Amino acid sequence: MKRTSIPLVCLILCCVFGAYAGDLENIALIATVEAEGSDIPVENVNDGNFTTRWNARNDDVDTWVEFTWEEPQKINRVHVTEFRHRVSGHTIEYGDKLEEVKNLKMEPENPDDAQANHPGNQQQPLEIPDHILTFDTVVTTILRYHITKATGPSDEPSLWEIEIFFDPELDSTPVQDRGRLAVTWGQIRLREYPRYASPDH
């Protein structure tokens, strides 16, 4: 079977992304991003490109990726797509004090139930996202995705992309300056895709 080219896959991803996220703005794209440490640049996690990825430092299984904006943002939805399934526990923190968001919901409810998203090597078709986190709306300039547990002691996380949204349909409560985050559920399916990276990480 003929393999789909990388540019065509990127185009399909962009088109389908519009279908699953609707007209919501991915504000991760306008954030400054940093991580506790990395083997592959953390800027890959918010470049809007599902063919680049971030990889935590070797065997770093309790780690984080933090987003910062110049102006406060309303946020209640986060999508995470893994390179391989290694995240076994995670949460969202926000603000200067890095408080955990309230009423956090996860899809899947148990992170261990996420599929393995390693194109060309693991389960097909690729699902984007494979973790959806929703919570009560927060207004903040700092948001941290905190990976609290991995599938094994040497299974450092590796992520294709983190997307961050404000979804008005989820915003059923007054906005709290020290408040909450929410998650919903959507997915992209492709029949075939290229092998994006070596299995070194």
Foldseek 3Di string as FASTA:
>chain_A
DDADDQVVVQVQVVVVVCVFVPPWDQCLLVWDKDKPAWPFDPVQARPSGLLDKTWHPWLPQWIKMKTFDPAWDKFFKKFWAFLFLWQQDKFKFFDPVRHTAPPKAKVVNGSVPFATQQAPPGDDDHKTGRMMIGKAIEIHRMMMIIRGGTPDSRRTTMTNYMTIGDDVVRHPDDYDNRHHHGTDDGIDHDPHHDRRDDPPD
